[in-house]
Amino acid sequence: MSRKSHKLDLHPIYNQGDKIDAALENAMDEAEEAKARELEIICGKGSGQLKKRVLRFLDRKDIRGRYNRIKKDPDNFGRVFIYFKWK
């Protein structure tokens, strides 16, 4: 059972709205499968729209129950961490 962190870089698809949610969904699935302790999402600094989209995705009712907490990186505006708690 792996406890490492997973990473998702959204830079390559930042302007492909239909692929963003799918990429987030897949990253969550992979992190859960691996029992990762954290998932790092790199959304970049830019205008902040991509980060807002990521946070809206994470706030969805069907997604909220899948992770323990979220941390916005205080040193890097373009990064969000999702933490999982496993029994």
N, C-alpha and C. Protein backbone atom coordinates (compact mmCIF):
# COMPACT_ATOMS: atom_id res chain seq x y z
N MET A 1 0.84 -1.18 0.00
CA MET A 1 0.00 0.00 0.00
C MET A 1 0.89 1.25 0.00
N SER A 2 0.73 2.06 -1.00
CA SER A 2 1.56 3.26 -1.15
C SER A 2 0.94 4.43 -0.40
N ARG A 3 1.77 5.22 0.24
CA ARG A 3 1.30 6.40 0.96
C ARG A 3 1.89 7.67 0.36
N LYS A 4 2.42 7.56 -0.83
CA LYS A 4 3.07 8.72 -1.44
C LYS A 4 2.06 9.74 -1.94
N SER A 5 2.57 10.81 -2.47
CA SER A 5 1.67 11.82 -3.00
C SER A 5 1.56 11.66 -4.52
N HIS A 6 0.45 12.13 -5.04
CA HIS A 6 0.21 12.11 -6.48
C HIS A 6 0.17 13.56 -6.95
N LYS A 7 0.38 13.75 -8.24
CA LYS A 7 0.44 15.10 -8.79
C LYS A 7 -0.35 15.16 -10.09
N LEU A 8 -1.06 16.26 -10.27
CA LEU A 8 -1.79 16.52 -11.51
C LEU A 8 -1.43 17.93 -11.96
N ASP A 9 -0.84 18.04 -13.15
CA ASP A 9 -0.49 19.34 -13.72
C ASP A 9 -1.52 19.67 -14.80
N LEU A 10 -2.28 20.72 -14.57
CA LEU A 10 -3.34 21.11 -15.50
C LEU A 10 -2.87 22.08 -16.59
N HIS A 11 -1.60 22.46 -16.57
CA HIS A 11 -1.08 23.38 -17.59
C HIS A 11 -1.40 22.94 -19.02
N PRO A 12 -1.16 21.68 -19.37
CA PRO A 12 -1.37 21.28 -20.76
C PRO A 12 -2.82 21.38 -21.24
N ILE A 13 -3.79 21.37 -20.31
CA ILE A 13 -5.20 21.40 -20.74
C ILE A 13 -5.96 22.59 -20.16
N TYR A 14 -5.23 23.62 -19.75
CA TYR A 14 -5.86 24.76 -19.06
C TYR A 14 -7.02 25.37 -19.84
N ASN A 15 -7.00 25.28 -21.16
CA ASN A 15 -8.05 25.91 -21.98
C ASN A 15 -8.99 24.89 -22.61
N GLN A 16 -8.97 23.68 -22.12
CA GLN A 16 -9.84 22.62 -22.65
C GLN A 16 -10.81 22.18 -21.56
N GLY A 17 -11.81 23.02 -21.33
CA GLY A 17 -12.74 22.83 -20.23
C GLY A 17 -13.29 21.43 -20.06
N ASP A 18 -13.61 20.78 -21.18
CA ASP A 18 -14.19 19.45 -21.10
C ASP A 18 -13.21 18.42 -20.53
N LYS A 19 -11.93 18.66 -20.67
CA LYS A 19 -10.93 17.70 -20.19
C LYS A 19 -10.51 17.95 -18.74
N ILE A 20 -10.77 19.14 -18.22
CA ILE A 20 -10.31 19.49 -16.87
C ILE A 20 -11.00 18.64 -15.82
N ASP A 21 -12.33 18.58 -15.84
CA ASP A 21 -13.05 17.79 -14.85
C ASP A 21 -12.68 16.31 -14.95
N ALA A 22 -12.53 15.82 -16.17
CA ALA A 22 -12.15 14.41 -16.37
C ALA A 22 -10.76 14.14 -15.79
N ALA A 23 -9.83 15.07 -15.98
CA ALA A 23 -8.48 14.91 -15.44
C ALA A 23 -8.51 14.93 -13.91
N LEU A 24 -9.31 15.82 -13.35
CA LEU A 24 -9.44 15.89 -11.89
C LEU A 24 -10.05 14.60 -11.34
N GLU A 25 -11.08 14.13 -12.00
CA GLU A 25 -11.75 12.89 -11.60
C GLU A 25 -10.77 11.71 -11.65
N ASN A 26 -10.01 11.61 -12.74
CA ASN A 26 -9.03 10.52 -12.88
C ASN A 26 -7.94 10.61 -11.82
N ALA A 27 -7.47 11.81 -11.53
CA ALA A 27 -6.43 11.99 -10.52
C ALA A 27 -6.94 11.58 -9.15
N MET A 28 -8.18 11.92 -8.84
CA MET A 28 -8.78 11.52 -7.56
C MET A 28 -8.86 10.00 -7.49
N ASP A 29 -9.32 9.37 -8.58
CA ASP A 29 -9.43 7.91 -8.62
C ASP A 29 -8.08 7.25 -8.38
N GLU A 30 -7.06 7.74 -9.07
CA GLU A 30 -5.71 7.15 -8.95
C GLU A 30 -5.16 7.34 -7.53
N ALA A 31 -5.37 8.50 -6.96
CA ALA A 31 -4.88 8.75 -5.60
C ALA A 31 -5.58 7.84 -4.60
N GLU A 32 -6.88 7.67 -4.79
CA GLU A 32 -7.64 6.78 -3.89
C GLU A 32 -7.19 5.33 -4.04
N GLU A 33 -7.02 4.92 -5.28
CA GLU A 33 -6.58 3.54 -5.54
C GLU A 33 -5.24 3.24 -4.88
N ALA A 34 -4.34 4.21 -4.94
CA ALA A 34 -3.00 4.04 -4.38
C ALA A 34 -2.96 4.35 -2.89
N LYS A 35 -4.11 4.76 -2.33
CA LYS A 35 -4.17 5.18 -0.92
C LYS A 35 -3.12 6.26 -0.65
N ALA A 36 -3.01 7.19 -1.59
CA ALA A 36 -2.06 8.30 -1.45
C ALA A 36 -2.47 9.18 -0.28
N ARG A 37 -1.51 9.81 0.35
CA ARG A 37 -1.85 10.71 1.45
C ARG A 37 -2.20 12.10 0.93
N GLU A 38 -1.68 12.45 -0.27
CA GLU A 38 -2.02 13.76 -0.81
C GLU A 38 -2.01 13.74 -2.33
N LEU A 39 -2.77 14.69 -2.88
CA LEU A 39 -2.81 14.91 -4.32
C LEU A 39 -2.49 16.39 -4.52
N GLU A 40 -1.44 16.65 -5.28
CA GLU A 40 -1.05 18.03 -5.58
C GLU A 40 -1.62 18.38 -6.95
N ILE A 41 -2.37 19.45 -7.01
CA ILE A 41 -2.95 19.91 -8.27
C ILE A 41 -2.26 21.22 -8.63
N ILE A 42 -1.62 21.23 -9.80
CA ILE A 42 -0.94 22.43 -10.28
C ILE A 42 -1.84 23.08 -11.31
N CYS A 43 -2.38 24.23 -10.94
CA CYS A 43 -3.28 24.94 -11.86
C CYS A 43 -2.64 26.20 -12.40
N GLY A 44 -1.47 26.55 -11.92
CA GLY A 44 -0.78 27.73 -12.42
C GLY A 44 -1.34 29.01 -11.84
N LYS A 45 -0.59 30.06 -11.98
CA LYS A 45 -0.99 31.34 -11.41
C LYS A 45 -1.96 32.07 -12.31
N GLY A 46 -1.60 32.36 -13.52
CA GLY A 46 -2.48 32.97 -14.51
C GLY A 46 -3.50 33.93 -13.94
N SER A 47 -4.72 33.87 -14.48
CA SER A 47 -5.78 34.79 -14.06
C SER A 47 -6.51 34.28 -12.81
N GLY A 48 -6.27 33.04 -12.44
CA GLY A 48 -6.95 32.47 -11.28
C GLY A 48 -8.21 31.71 -11.63
N GLN A 49 -8.62 31.77 -12.90
CA GLN A 49 -9.86 31.10 -13.31
C GLN A 49 -9.76 29.59 -13.20
N LEU A 50 -8.61 29.03 -13.55
CA LEU A 50 -8.44 27.58 -13.48
C LEU A 50 -8.46 27.12 -12.02
N LYS A 51 -7.84 27.86 -11.15
CA LYS A 51 -7.85 27.52 -9.73
C LYS A 51 -9.28 27.57 -9.20
N LYS A 52 -10.04 28.58 -9.60
CA LYS A 52 -11.44 28.68 -9.17
C LYS A 52 -12.23 27.47 -9.66
N ARG A 53 -11.95 27.04 -10.87
CA ARG A 53 -12.65 25.87 -11.42
C ARG A 53 -12.30 24.62 -10.62
N VAL A 54 -11.02 24.47 -10.27
CA VAL A 54 -10.57 23.33 -9.46
C VAL A 54 -11.28 23.35 -8.11
N LEU A 55 -11.32 24.50 -7.46
CA LEU A 55 -11.96 24.60 -6.15
C LEU A 55 -13.46 24.34 -6.24
N ARG A 56 -14.10 24.77 -7.32
CA ARG A 56 -15.53 24.47 -7.51
C ARG A 56 -15.74 22.97 -7.67
N PHE A 57 -14.84 22.32 -8.43
CA PHE A 57 -14.91 20.87 -8.61
C PHE A 57 -14.80 20.18 -7.25
N LEU A 58 -13.82 20.59 -6.46
CA LEU A 58 -13.58 19.96 -5.16
C LEU A 58 -14.71 20.22 -4.18
N ASP A 59 -15.48 21.26 -4.40
CA ASP A 59 -16.59 21.60 -3.51
C ASP A 59 -17.89 20.89 -3.90
N ARG A 60 -17.87 20.17 -5.02
CA ARG A 60 -19.07 19.44 -5.43
C ARG A 60 -19.44 18.41 -4.35
N LYS A 61 -20.73 18.25 -4.14
CA LYS A 61 -21.21 17.34 -3.10
C LYS A 61 -20.67 15.92 -3.29
N ASP A 62 -20.62 15.45 -4.53
CA ASP A 62 -20.17 14.08 -4.79
C ASP A 62 -18.65 13.91 -4.65
N ILE A 63 -17.91 15.02 -4.59
CA ILE A 63 -16.44 14.97 -4.47
C ILE A 63 -16.00 15.22 -3.04
N ARG A 64 -16.68 16.10 -2.34
CA ARG A 64 -16.28 16.50 -0.98
C ARG A 64 -16.04 15.33 -0.04
N GLY A 65 -16.83 14.30 -0.13
CA GLY A 65 -16.70 13.16 0.77
C GLY A 65 -15.51 12.27 0.46
N ARG A 66 -14.84 12.52 -0.64
CA ARG A 66 -13.74 11.65 -1.07
C ARG A 66 -12.39 12.04 -0.48
N TYR A 67 -12.28 13.22 0.11
CA TYR A 67 -11.00 13.65 0.68
C TYR A 67 -11.22 14.21 2.08
N ASN A 68 -10.13 14.38 2.80
CA ASN A 68 -10.20 14.85 4.17
C ASN A 68 -10.17 16.38 4.26
N ARG A 69 -9.20 16.99 3.55
CA ARG A 69 -9.11 18.46 3.59
C ARG A 69 -8.34 18.98 2.38
N ILE A 70 -8.47 20.29 2.17
CA ILE A 70 -7.79 20.99 1.07
C ILE A 70 -6.87 22.04 1.68
N LYS A 71 -5.73 22.23 1.05
CA LYS A 71 -4.83 23.31 1.47
C LYS A 71 -4.38 24.07 0.22
N LYS A 72 -4.62 25.37 0.23
CA LYS A 72 -4.09 26.21 -0.84
C LYS A 72 -2.68 26.58 -0.44
N ASP A 73 -1.72 26.32 -1.29
CA ASP A 73 -0.32 26.57 -0.98
C ASP A 73 -0.11 28.07 -0.73
N PRO A 74 0.29 28.45 0.48
CA PRO A 74 0.47 29.88 0.79
C PRO A 74 1.67 30.49 0.06
N ASP A 75 2.61 29.67 -0.36
CA ASP A 75 3.81 30.17 -1.04
C ASP A 75 3.70 30.14 -2.55
N ASN A 76 2.70 29.45 -3.07
CA ASN A 76 2.54 29.32 -4.53
C ASN A 76 1.05 29.33 -4.85
N PHE A 77 0.56 30.47 -5.34
CA PHE A 77 -0.86 30.64 -5.64
C PHE A 77 -1.39 29.57 -6.60
N GLY A 78 -0.53 29.03 -7.43
CA GLY A 78 -0.95 28.09 -8.47
C GLY A 78 -0.98 26.64 -8.07
N ARG A 79 -0.98 26.36 -6.75
CA ARG A 79 -0.98 24.97 -6.29
C ARG A 79 -2.04 24.76 -5.22
N VAL A 80 -2.70 23.60 -5.31
CA VAL A 80 -3.68 23.20 -4.31
C VAL A 80 -3.35 21.77 -3.90
N PHE A 81 -3.41 21.49 -2.61
CA PHE A 81 -3.17 20.15 -2.11
C PHE A 81 -4.47 19.57 -1.56
N ILE A 82 -4.71 18.31 -1.87
CA ILE A 82 -5.85 17.58 -1.32
C ILE A 82 -5.27 16.49 -0.44
N TYR A 83 -5.76 16.39 0.77
CA TYR A 83 -5.26 15.38 1.70
C TYR A 83 -6.33 14.32 1.94
N PHE A 84 -5.88 13.08 1.98
CA PHE A 84 -6.76 11.95 2.21
C PHE A 84 -6.45 11.35 3.57
N LYS A 85 -7.43 10.75 4.19
CA LYS A 85 -7.24 10.06 5.47
C LYS A 85 -7.71 8.63 5.27
N TRP A 86 -6.84 7.71 5.49
CA TRP A 86 -7.16 6.28 5.31
C TRP A 86 -7.13 5.58 6.65
N LYS A 87 -8.02 4.63 6.81
CA LYS A 87 -8.08 3.85 8.06
C LYS A 87 -7.13 2.71 8.03
